Amino acid sequence: MKRKGELFKRLGIIISVILTVFWLIPYIYVICCSFKPGEEVIAVPPKFFPEVFSVENFFGLFERMDAFHFLINSLTAAVCSTVIALILGSLAAYAIQRSGARLSIVLIVLVLCLKMIPTSSIVVPIYELICDLGLYDTQLALIIVYAAVNMPFVMWTMLSFYEGIPTTLDEAAYVDGASSLQTFRKVILPICTPGLATAFIFTLFLAWNDFLLALLLTSTNAKTFTVGLAGFLSAYNLDLGPMCAGAFLFSFPVMIISLAAQRYIVQGMTAGAVKG
């Protein structure tokens, strides 16, 4: 049995390595294209690695679009909306889970239904509402919409963590004279730090990578990097070099954050499955 277990373990590692390599090949190819000369990017037949190392695609990217401004817009909208969604979502999930009423089950199902609604089905009403409020092409519009759209994800993530925390901790805090908000802030939040980190990272990535909402709600002032990068692709022009450079520049911070926060992500995804 022990040898059989080791065999399955090694087989799992081999399969994981193979899948990881297949997953990384497209991204590595994008990185290679970022450092190729323009004519080499569109050469036929294509070559995986660059024959000549060049950074002209990055210069072309910054010359043809205000990449720094678009990056700031994306970062501002993603971070601010994530913080709002995390604060409101964690509070709402705690209230729903600790209420103990029958209505809480209905609210949990409602949160799940909101999480399952595809964004493409609600973009038109969102667009009309933002225009009626006079917030079109503003960062405030993106922050509000991103926070509202991603809040169900935060709530659903945090519900599983609150279920794993015994209610005796809340009762002990109430006996000591703590209010509900003080109990949440001083007792529950320190225990749910892995869950908060997991929800923050995934919500940040959802807002950072968004394209559809940013395309409809922005024009020039609040345009995000994903929308600006799409400008290199049109019916009459296909400039793959700067597009690859922009894709690498946009995705590289996400890759670094994912690797740095891997421990918190794994800890958060596993901790919520264990009840105390």
C-alpha atoms as a PDB file:
ATOM      1  CA  MET A   1       0.000   0.000   0.000  1.00  0.00           C
ATOM      2  CA  LYS A   2       2.844   2.347   0.803  1.00  0.00           C
ATOM      3  CA  ARG A   3       4.500   1.755  -2.572  1.00  0.00           C
ATOM      4  CA  LYS A   4       1.158   2.206  -4.292  1.00  0.00           C
ATOM      5  CA  GLY A   5       0.655   5.525  -2.503  1.00  0.00           C
ATOM      6  CA  GLU A   6       4.120   6.739  -3.511  1.00  0.00           C
ATOM      7  CA  LEU A   7       3.426   5.687  -7.105  1.00  0.00           C
ATOM      8  CA  PHE A   8       0.209   7.693  -7.243  1.00  0.00           C
ATOM      9  CA  LYS A   9       1.999  10.625  -5.638  1.00  0.00           C
ATOM     10  CA  ARG A  10       4.749  10.605  -8.266  1.00  0.00           C
ATOM     11  CA  LEU A  11       2.183  10.167 -11.026  1.00  0.00           C
ATOM     12  CA  GLY A  12       0.306  13.188  -9.709  1.00  0.00           C
ATOM     13  CA  ILE A  13       3.504  15.254  -9.650  1.00  0.00           C
ATOM     14  CA  ILE A  14       4.339  14.269 -13.241  1.00  0.00           C
ATOM     15  CA  ILE A  15       0.835  15.142 -14.442  1.00  0.00           C
ATOM     16  CA  SER A  16       0.982  18.468 -12.587  1.00  0.00           C
ATOM     17  CA  VAL A  17       4.333  19.336 -14.183  1.00  0.00           C
ATOM     18  CA  ILE A  18       3.039  18.468 -17.671  1.00  0.00           C
ATOM     19  CA  LEU A  19      -0.108  20.558 -17.205  1.00  0.00           C
ATOM     20  CA  THR A  20       1.940  23.454 -15.827  1.00  0.00           C
ATOM     21  CA  VAL A  21       4.250  23.383 -18.840  1.00  0.00           C
ATOM     22  CA  PHE A  22       1.309  23.376 -21.255  1.00  0.00           C
ATOM     23  CA  TRP A  23      -0.249  26.267 -19.332  1.00  0.00           C
ATOM     24  CA  LEU A  24       2.978  28.282 -19.394  1.00  0.00           C
ATOM     25  CA  ILE A  25       3.791  27.787 -23.097  1.00  0.00           C
ATOM     26  CA  PRO A  26       1.391  30.525 -24.381  1.00  0.00           C
ATOM     27  CA  TYR A  27       2.592  32.986 -21.759  1.00  0.00           C
ATOM     28  CA  ILE A  28       6.249  32.251 -22.477  1.00  0.00           C
ATOM     29  CA  TYR A  29       5.552  32.743 -26.185  1.00  0.00           C
ATOM     30  CA  VAL A  30       4.002  36.153 -25.424  1.00  0.00           C
ATOM     31  CA  ILE A  31       7.130  37.101 -23.464  1.00  0.00           C
ATOM     32  CA  CYS A  32       9.350  35.972 -26.341  1.00  0.00           C
ATOM     33  CA  CYS A  33       7.299  37.984 -28.842  1.00  0.00           C
ATOM     34  CA  SER A  34       7.611  41.032 -26.604  1.00  0.00           C
ATOM     35  CA  PHE A  35      11.373  41.026 -27.120  1.00  0.00           C
ATOM     36  CA  LYS A  36      11.336  40.287 -30.869  1.00  0.00           C
ATOM     37  CA  PRO A  37      11.678  42.921 -33.609  1.00  0.00           C
ATOM     38  CA  GLY A  38       8.386  43.830 -35.279  1.00  0.00           C
ATOM     39  CA  GLU A  39       9.059  41.913 -38.487  1.00  0.00           C
ATOM     40  CA  GLU A  40      10.097  38.816 -36.564  1.00  0.00           C
ATOM     41  CA  VAL A  41       6.822  38.765 -34.597  1.00  0.00           C
ATOM     42  CA  ILE A  42       4.751  38.356 -37.771  1.00  0.00           C
ATOM     43  CA  ALA A  43       7.278  36.182 -39.611  1.00  0.00           C
ATOM     44  CA  VAL A  44       6.021  33.033 -41.328  1.00  0.00           C
ATOM     45  CA  PRO A  45       6.784  30.406 -40.199  1.00  0.00           C
ATOM     46  CA  PRO A  46       6.910  31.779 -36.664  1.00  0.00           C
ATOM     47  CA  LYS A  47       9.812  31.054 -34.344  1.00  0.00           C
ATOM     48  CA  PHE A  48       9.342  30.519 -30.637  1.00  0.00           C
ATOM     49  CA  PHE A  49      12.449  32.278 -29.306  1.00  0.00           C
ATOM     50  CA  PRO A  50      13.717  35.627 -30.627  1.00  0.00           C
ATOM     51  CA  GLU A  51      16.748  35.524 -32.888  1.00  0.00           C
ATOM     52  CA  VAL A  52      17.488  39.178 -32.132  1.00  0.00           C
ATOM     53  CA  PHE A  53      16.763  40.634 -28.691  1.00  0.00           C
ATOM     54  CA  SER A  54      14.909  43.946 -29.055  1.00  0.00           C
ATOM     55  CA  VAL A  55      12.833  46.305 -26.880  1.00  0.00           C
ATOM     56  CA  GLU A  56      11.299  48.252 -29.755  1.00  0.00           C
ATOM     57  CA  ASN A  57       7.856  46.827 -28.976  1.00  0.00           C
ATOM     58  CA  PHE A  58       7.908  48.475 -25.546  1.00  0.00           C
ATOM     59  CA  PHE A  59       8.914  51.814 -27.072  1.00  0.00           C
ATOM     60  CA  GLY A  60       6.134  51.409 -29.633  1.00  0.00           C
ATOM     61  CA  LEU A  61       3.672  50.644 -26.857  1.00  0.00           C
ATOM     62  CA  PHE A  62       4.415  53.843 -24.933  1.00  0.00           C
ATOM     63  CA  GLU A  63       4.597  55.943 -28.101  1.00  0.00           C
ATOM     64  CA  ARG A  64       1.211  54.873 -29.438  1.00  0.00           C
ATOM     65  CA  MET A  65      -0.776  54.857 -26.201  1.00  0.00           C
ATOM     66  CA  ASP A  66      -0.646  56.482 -22.784  1.00  0.00           C
ATOM     67  CA  ALA A  67       0.231  53.203 -21.113  1.00  0.00           C
ATOM     68  CA  PHE A  68       1.270  54.692 -17.772  1.00  0.00           C
ATOM     69  CA  HIS A  69      -1.996  56.616 -17.415  1.00  0.00           C
ATOM     70  CA  PHE A  70      -4.041  53.538 -18.311  1.00  0.00           C
ATOM     71  CA  LEU A  71      -2.103  51.430 -15.812  1.00  0.00           C
ATOM     72  CA  ILE A  72      -2.826  53.968 -13.070  1.00  0.00           C
ATOM     73  CA  ASN A  73      -6.522  53.892 -13.975  1.00  0.00           C
ATOM     74  CA  SER A  74      -6.593  50.091 -13.825  1.00  0.00           C
ATOM     75  CA  LEU A  75      -4.718  50.008 -10.517  1.00  0.00           C
ATOM     76  CA  THR A  76      -6.884  52.698  -8.905  1.00  0.00           C
ATOM     77  CA  ALA A  77     -10.167  51.091  -9.944  1.00  0.00           C
ATOM     78  CA  ALA A  78      -9.041  47.578  -8.998  1.00  0.00           C
ATOM     79  CA  VAL A  79      -7.601  48.429  -5.560  1.00  0.00           C
ATOM     80  CA  CYS A  80     -10.347  50.818  -4.443  1.00  0.00           C
ATOM     81  CA  SER A  81     -13.183  48.539  -5.585  1.00  0.00           C
ATOM     82  CA  THR A  82     -11.529  45.535  -3.959  1.00  0.00           C
ATOM     83  CA  VAL A  83     -11.177  47.300  -0.608  1.00  0.00           C
ATOM     84  CA  ILE A  84     -14.835  48.389  -0.703  1.00  0.00           C
ATOM     85  CA  ALA A  85     -16.050  44.935  -1.735  1.00  0.00           C
ATOM     86  CA  LEU A  86     -13.915  43.295   0.966  1.00  0.00           C
ATOM     87  CA  ILE A  87     -15.176  45.550   3.768  1.00  0.00           C
ATOM     88  CA  LEU A  88     -18.863  45.456   2.850  1.00  0.00           C
ATOM     89  CA  GLY A  89     -18.824  41.820   1.711  1.00  0.00           C
ATOM     90  CA  SER A  90     -17.135  40.494   4.854  1.00  0.00           C
ATOM     91  CA  LEU A  91     -19.513  42.464   7.095  1.00  0.00           C
ATOM     92  CA  ALA A  92     -22.578  41.287   5.160  1.00  0.00           C
ATOM     93  CA  ALA A  93     -21.420  37.663   5.170  1.00  0.00           C
ATOM     94  CA  TYR A  94     -20.809  37.788   8.930  1.00  0.00           C
ATOM     95  CA  ALA A  95     -24.270  39.246   9.549  1.00  0.00           C
ATOM     96  CA  ILE A  96     -25.922  36.598   7.371  1.00  0.00           C
ATOM     97  CA  GLN A  97     -24.022  33.677   8.882  1.00  0.00           C
ATOM     98  CA  ARG A  98     -24.468  34.738  12.517  1.00  0.00           C
ATOM     99  CA  SER A  99     -28.102  35.818  12.255  1.00  0.00           C
ATOM    100  CA  GLY A 100     -29.396  32.279  12.781  1.00  0.00           C
ATOM    101  CA  ALA A 101     -32.714  33.176  11.166  1.00  0.00           C
ATOM    102  CA  ARG A 102     -34.450  31.300   8.400  1.00  0.00           C
ATOM    103  CA  LEU A 103     -34.027  34.360   6.237  1.00  0.00           C
ATOM    104  CA  SER A 104     -30.268  33.775   6.296  1.00  0.00           C
ATOM    105  CA  ILE A 105     -30.679  30.635   4.166  1.00  0.00           C
ATOM    106  CA  VAL A 106     -32.623  32.657   1.593  1.00  0.00           C
ATOM    107  CA  LEU A 107     -29.912  35.321   1.637  1.00  0.00           C
ATOM    108  CA  ILE A 108     -27.173  32.722   1.147  1.00  0.00           C
ATOM    109  CA  VAL A 109     -29.017  31.304  -1.869  1.00  0.00           C
ATOM    110  CA  LEU A 110     -29.476  34.851  -3.163  1.00  0.00           C
ATOM    111  CA  VAL A 111     -25.744  35.511  -2.842  1.00  0.00           C
ATOM    112  CA  LEU A 112     -25.042  32.338  -4.807  1.00  0.00           C
ATOM    113  CA  CYS A 113     -27.497  33.396  -7.512  1.00  0.00           C
ATOM    114  CA  LEU A 114     -25.881  36.831  -7.751  1.00  0.00           C
ATOM    115  CA  LYS A 115     -22.486  35.179  -8.078  1.00  0.00           C
ATOM    116  CA  MET A 116     -23.755  33.021 -10.943  1.00  0.00           C
ATOM    117  CA  ILE A 117     -25.166  35.908 -13.033  1.00  0.00           C
ATOM    118  CA  PRO A 118     -22.908  36.488 -16.083  1.00  0.00           C
ATOM    119  CA  THR A 119     -21.623  40.032 -16.360  1.00  0.00           C
ATOM    120  CA  SER A 120     -22.545  40.230 -20.045  1.00  0.00           C
ATOM    121  CA  SER A 121     -26.238  39.934 -19.166  1.00  0.00           C
ATOM    122  CA  ILE A 122     -26.286  43.044 -16.942  1.00  0.00           C
ATOM    123  CA  VAL A 123     -23.894  45.416 -18.723  1.00  0.00           C
ATOM    124  CA  VAL A 124     -26.639  47.287 -20.590  1.00  0.00           C
ATOM    125  CA  PRO A 125     -28.637  48.241 -17.460  1.00  0.00           C
ATOM    126  CA  ILE A 126     -25.382  49.142 -15.713  1.00  0.00           C
ATOM    127  CA  TYR A 127     -24.391  51.371 -18.635  1.00  0.00           C
ATOM    128  CA  GLU A 128     -27.763  53.155 -18.640  1.00  0.00           C
ATOM    129  CA  LEU A 129     -27.659  53.643 -14.869  1.00  0.00           C
ATOM    130  CA  ILE A 130     -24.130  55.059 -14.931  1.00  0.00           C
ATOM    131  CA  CYS A 131     -25.051  57.449 -17.754  1.00  0.00           C
ATOM    132  CA  ASP A 132     -28.178  58.608 -15.887  1.00  0.00           C
ATOM    133  CA  LEU A 133     -26.034  59.342 -12.820  1.00  0.00           C
ATOM    134  CA  GLY A 134     -23.580  61.365 -14.919  1.00  0.00           C
ATOM    135  CA  LEU A 135     -20.660  59.111 -14.015  1.00  0.00           C
ATOM    136  CA  TYR A 136     -19.746  57.912 -17.491  1.00  0.00           C
ATOM    137  CA  ASP A 137     -15.990  57.839 -18.161  1.00  0.00           C
ATOM    138  CA  THR A 138     -15.067  58.333 -14.508  1.00  0.00           C
ATOM    139  CA  GLN A 139     -13.027  56.181 -12.181  1.00  0.00           C
ATOM    140  CA  LEU A 140     -15.798  56.447  -9.605  1.00  0.00           C
ATOM    141  CA  ALA A 141     -18.130  54.551 -11.952  1.00  0.00           C
ATOM    142  CA  LEU A 142     -15.642  51.709 -12.358  1.00  0.00           C
ATOM    143  CA  ILE A 143     -15.001  51.544  -8.615  1.00  0.00           C
ATOM    144  CA  ILE A 144     -18.727  51.362  -7.786  1.00  0.00           C
ATOM    145  CA  VAL A 145     -19.518  48.792 -10.481  1.00  0.00           C
ATOM    146  CA  TYR A 146     -16.503  46.577  -9.752  1.00  0.00           C
ATOM    147  CA  ALA A 147     -17.286  46.619  -6.022  1.00  0.00           C
ATOM    148  CA  ALA A 148     -20.935  45.725  -6.633  1.00  0.00           C
ATOM    149  CA  VAL A 149     -20.193  42.988  -9.165  1.00  0.00           C
ATOM    150  CA  ASN A 150     -17.432  41.340  -7.102  1.00  0.00           C
ATOM    151  CA  MET A 151     -19.061  41.660  -3.676  1.00  0.00           C
ATOM    152  CA  PRO A 152     -21.046  38.383  -4.001  1.00  0.00           C
ATOM    153  CA  PHE A 153     -17.751  36.568  -4.570  1.00  0.00           C
ATOM    154  CA  VAL A 154     -16.328  38.047  -1.364  1.00  0.00           C
ATOM    155  CA  MET A 155     -19.465  37.148   0.571  1.00  0.00           C
ATOM    156  CA  TRP A 156     -19.530  33.580  -0.715  1.00  0.00           C
ATOM    157  CA  THR A 157     -15.835  33.148   0.087  1.00  0.00           C
ATOM    158  CA  MET A 158     -16.141  34.511   3.623  1.00  0.00           C
ATOM    159  CA  LEU A 159     -19.309  32.568   4.483  1.00  0.00           C
ATOM    160  CA  SER A 160     -17.367  29.298   4.549  1.00  0.00           C
ATOM    161  CA  PHE A 161     -14.798  30.795   6.927  1.00  0.00           C
ATOM    162  CA  TYR A 162     -17.403  32.113   9.338  1.00  0.00           C
ATOM    163  CA  GLU A 163     -19.044  28.688   9.401  1.00  0.00           C
ATOM    164  CA  GLY A 164     -15.735  27.241  10.615  1.00  0.00           C
ATOM    165  CA  ILE A 165     -15.550  29.623  13.583  1.00  0.00           C
ATOM    166  CA  PRO A 166     -17.491  28.433  16.665  1.00  0.00           C
ATOM    167  CA  THR A 167     -20.177  30.795  17.924  1.00  0.00           C
ATOM    168  CA  THR A 168     -18.812  30.367  21.449  1.00  0.00           C
ATOM    169  CA  LEU A 169     -16.183  32.974  20.585  1.00  0.00           C
ATOM    170  CA  ASP A 170     -18.920  35.504  19.805  1.00  0.00           C
ATOM    171  CA  GLU A 171     -20.773  34.623  22.988  1.00  0.00           C
ATOM    172  CA  ALA A 172     -17.611  35.029  25.060  1.00  0.00           C
ATOM    173  CA  ALA A 173     -17.003  38.433  23.514  1.00  0.00           C
ATOM    174  CA  TYR A 174     -20.585  39.500  24.255  1.00  0.00           C
ATOM    175  CA  VAL A 175     -20.168  38.410  27.892  1.00  0.00           C
ATOM    176  CA  ASP A 176     -17.070  40.619  28.102  1.00  0.00           C
ATOM    177  CA  GLY A 177     -19.165  43.566  26.922  1.00  0.00           C
ATOM    178  CA  ALA A 178     -18.074  43.750  23.290  1.00  0.00           C
ATOM    179  CA  SER A 179     -20.520  44.952  20.664  1.00  0.00           C
ATOM    180  CA  SER A 180     -21.164  43.053  17.433  1.00  0.00           C
ATOM    181  CA  LEU A 181     -18.810  45.315  15.495  1.00  0.00           C
ATOM    182  CA  GLN A 182     -16.081  45.009  18.135  1.00  0.00           C
ATOM    183  CA  THR A 183     -16.482  41.236  18.136  1.00  0.00           C
ATOM    184  CA  PHE A 184     -16.161  41.160  14.378  1.00  0.00           C
ATOM    185  CA  ARG A 185     -13.143  43.456  14.318  1.00  0.00           C
ATOM    186  CA  LYS A 186     -11.164  42.119  17.275  1.00  0.00           C
ATOM    187  CA  VAL A 187     -12.129  38.431  17.403  1.00  0.00           C
ATOM    188  CA  ILE A 188     -13.385  37.211  14.026  1.00  0.00           C
ATOM    189  CA  LEU A 189     -11.182  39.134  11.587  1.00  0.00           C
ATOM    190  CA  PRO A 190      -7.829  37.979  13.059  1.00  0.00           C
ATOM    191  CA  ILE A 191      -8.974  34.364  12.697  1.00  0.00           C
ATOM    192  CA  CYS A 192     -10.205  34.930   9.118  1.00  0.00           C
ATOM    193  CA  THR A 193      -7.017  36.582   7.857  1.00  0.00           C
ATOM    194  CA  PRO A 194      -6.308  33.782   5.311  1.00  0.00           C
ATOM    195  CA  GLY A 195      -9.854  34.086   4.000  1.00  0.00           C
ATOM    196  CA  LEU A 196      -9.594  37.867   3.713  1.00  0.00           C
ATOM    197  CA  ALA A 197      -6.282  37.531   1.883  1.00  0.00           C
ATOM    198  CA  THR A 198      -7.767  34.985  -0.525  1.00  0.00           C
ATOM    199  CA  ALA A 199     -10.851  37.096  -1.203  1.00  0.00           C
ATOM    200  CA  PHE A 200      -8.718  40.223  -1.655  1.00  0.00           C
ATOM    201  CA  ILE A 201      -6.356  38.618  -4.157  1.00  0.00           C
ATOM    202  CA  PHE A 202      -9.021  36.998  -6.319  1.00  0.00           C
ATOM    203  CA  THR A 203     -11.264  40.078  -6.246  1.00  0.00           C
ATOM    204  CA  LEU A 204      -8.318  42.278  -7.178  1.00  0.00           C
ATOM    205  CA  PHE A 205      -7.535  40.040 -10.146  1.00  0.00           C
ATOM    206  CA  LEU A 206     -11.175  40.063 -11.289  1.00  0.00           C
ATOM    207  CA  ALA A 207     -11.211  43.864 -11.364  1.00  0.00           C
ATOM    208  CA  TRP A 208      -7.694  44.146 -12.788  1.00  0.00           C
ATOM    209  CA  ASN A 209      -8.419  41.821 -15.727  1.00  0.00           C
ATOM    210  CA  ASP A 210     -11.867  43.194 -16.579  1.00  0.00           C
ATOM    211  CA  PHE A 211     -12.436  44.317 -20.146  1.00  0.00           C
ATOM    212  CA  LEU A 212     -16.170  44.367 -20.897  1.00  0.00           C
ATOM    213  CA  LEU A 213     -17.298  46.774 -18.163  1.00  0.00           C
ATOM    214  CA  ALA A 214     -14.334  49.077 -18.724  1.00  0.00           C
ATOM    215  CA  LEU A 215     -15.029  49.111 -22.469  1.00  0.00           C
ATOM    216  CA  LEU A 216     -18.636  50.232 -21.980  1.00  0.00           C
ATOM    217  CA  LEU A 217     -18.164  52.633 -19.061  1.00  0.00           C
ATOM    218  CA  THR A 218     -15.058  54.529 -20.211  1.00  0.00           C
ATOM    219  CA  SER A 219     -14.010  56.578 -23.194  1.00  0.00           C
ATOM    220  CA  THR A 220     -10.796  58.554 -22.637  1.00  0.00           C
ATOM    221  CA  ASN A 221     -10.267  59.856 -19.095  1.00  0.00           C
ATOM    222  CA  ALA A 222     -10.913  56.635 -17.145  1.00  0.00           C
ATOM    223  CA  LYS A 223      -9.875  54.142 -19.830  1.00  0.00           C
ATOM    224  CA  THR A 224      -8.115  51.108 -18.381  1.00  0.00           C
ATOM    225  CA  PHE A 225      -5.094  49.314 -19.756  1.00  0.00           C
ATOM    226  CA  THR A 226      -7.082  46.389 -21.162  1.00  0.00           C
ATOM    227  CA  VAL A 227      -9.270  48.722 -23.229  1.00  0.00           C
ATOM    228  CA  GLY A 228      -6.290  50.744 -24.399  1.00  0.00           C
ATOM    229  CA  LEU A 229      -4.440  47.588 -25.411  1.00  0.00           C
ATOM    230  CA  ALA A 230      -7.379  46.505 -27.576  1.00  0.00           C
ATOM    231  CA  GLY A 231      -6.769  49.602 -29.704  1.00  0.00           C
ATOM    232  CA  PHE A 232      -3.855  47.818 -31.370  1.00  0.00           C
ATOM    233  CA  LEU A 233      -6.323  45.330 -32.859  1.00  0.00           C
ATOM    234  CA  SER A 234      -8.630  46.621 -35.593  1.00  0.00           C
ATOM    235  CA  ALA A 235     -10.056  45.565 -38.937  1.00  0.00           C
ATOM    236  CA  TYR A 236      -7.241  47.349 -40.784  1.00  0.00           C
ATOM    237  CA  ASN A 237      -4.331  46.876 -38.406  1.00  0.00           C
ATOM    238  CA  LEU A 238      -2.856  44.026 -36.386  1.00  0.00           C
ATOM    239  CA  ASP A 239       0.198  45.215 -34.485  1.00  0.00           C
ATOM    240  CA  LEU A 240       1.117  42.127 -32.498  1.00  0.00           C
ATOM    241  CA  GLY A 241       4.479  43.363 -31.232  1.00  0.00           C
ATOM    242  CA  PRO A 242       3.245  46.202 -28.983  1.00  0.00           C
ATOM    243  CA  MET A 243       0.232  44.091 -28.027  1.00  0.00           C
ATOM    244  CA  CYS A 244       2.491  41.320 -26.730  1.00  0.00           C
ATOM    245  CA  ALA A 245       4.636  43.865 -24.917  1.00  0.00           C
ATOM    246  CA  GLY A 246       1.540  45.370 -23.323  1.00  0.00           C
ATOM    247  CA  ALA A 247       0.171  41.952 -22.378  1.00  0.00           C
ATOM    248  CA  PHE A 248       3.474  41.063 -20.716  1.00  0.00           C
ATOM    249  CA  LEU A 249       3.660  44.414 -18.914  1.00  0.00           C
ATOM    250  CA  PHE A 250       0.068  44.066 -17.727  1.00  0.00           C
ATOM    251  CA  SER A 251       0.236  40.432 -16.615  1.00  0.00           C
ATOM    252  CA  PHE A 252       3.710  40.344 -15.071  1.00  0.00           C
ATOM    253  CA  PRO A 253       2.696  42.062 -11.780  1.00  0.00           C
ATOM    254  CA  VAL A 254      -0.209  39.610 -11.480  1.00  0.00           C
ATOM    255  CA  MET A 255       2.153  36.662 -11.881  1.00  0.00           C
ATOM    256  CA  ILE A 256       4.511  38.056  -9.223  1.00  0.00           C
ATOM    257  CA  ILE A 257       1.669  38.728  -6.773  1.00  0.00           C
ATOM    258  CA  SER A 258       0.248  35.242  -7.376  1.00  0.00           C
ATOM    259  CA  LEU A 259       3.595  33.594  -6.644  1.00  0.00           C
ATOM    260  CA  ALA A 260       4.203  35.766  -3.576  1.00  0.00           C
ATOM    261  CA  ALA A 261       0.703  35.144  -2.190  1.00  0.00           C
ATOM    262  CA  GLN A 262       0.535  31.449  -3.059  1.00  0.00           C
ATOM    263  CA  ARG A 263       0.901  30.426   0.575  1.00  0.00           C
ATOM    264  CA  TYR A 264      -2.003  32.631   1.643  1.00  0.00           C
ATOM    265  CA  ILE A 265      -4.177  31.445  -1.249  1.00  0.00           C
ATOM    266  CA  VAL A 266      -3.653  27.763  -0.428  1.00  0.00           C
ATOM    267  CA  GLN A 267      -4.094  28.380   3.288  1.00  0.00           C
ATOM    268  CA  GLY A 268      -7.259  30.372   2.669  1.00  0.00           C
ATOM    269  CA  MET A 269      -8.798  27.825   0.296  1.00  0.00           C
ATOM    270  CA  THR A 270      -8.191  24.948   2.724  1.00  0.00           C
ATOM    271  CA  ALA A 271      -8.942  26.685   6.024  1.00  0.00           C
ATOM    272  CA  GLY A 272     -12.525  27.470   5.095  1.00  0.00           C
ATOM    273  CA  ALA A 273     -13.277  23.804   4.556  1.00  0.00           C
ATOM    274  CA  VAL A 274     -12.520  22.872   8.165  1.00  0.00           C
ATOM    275  CA  LYS A 275     -15.054  23.558  10.841  1.00  0.00           C
ATOM    276  CA  GLY A 276     -13.913  24.375  14.339  1.00  0.00           C
END
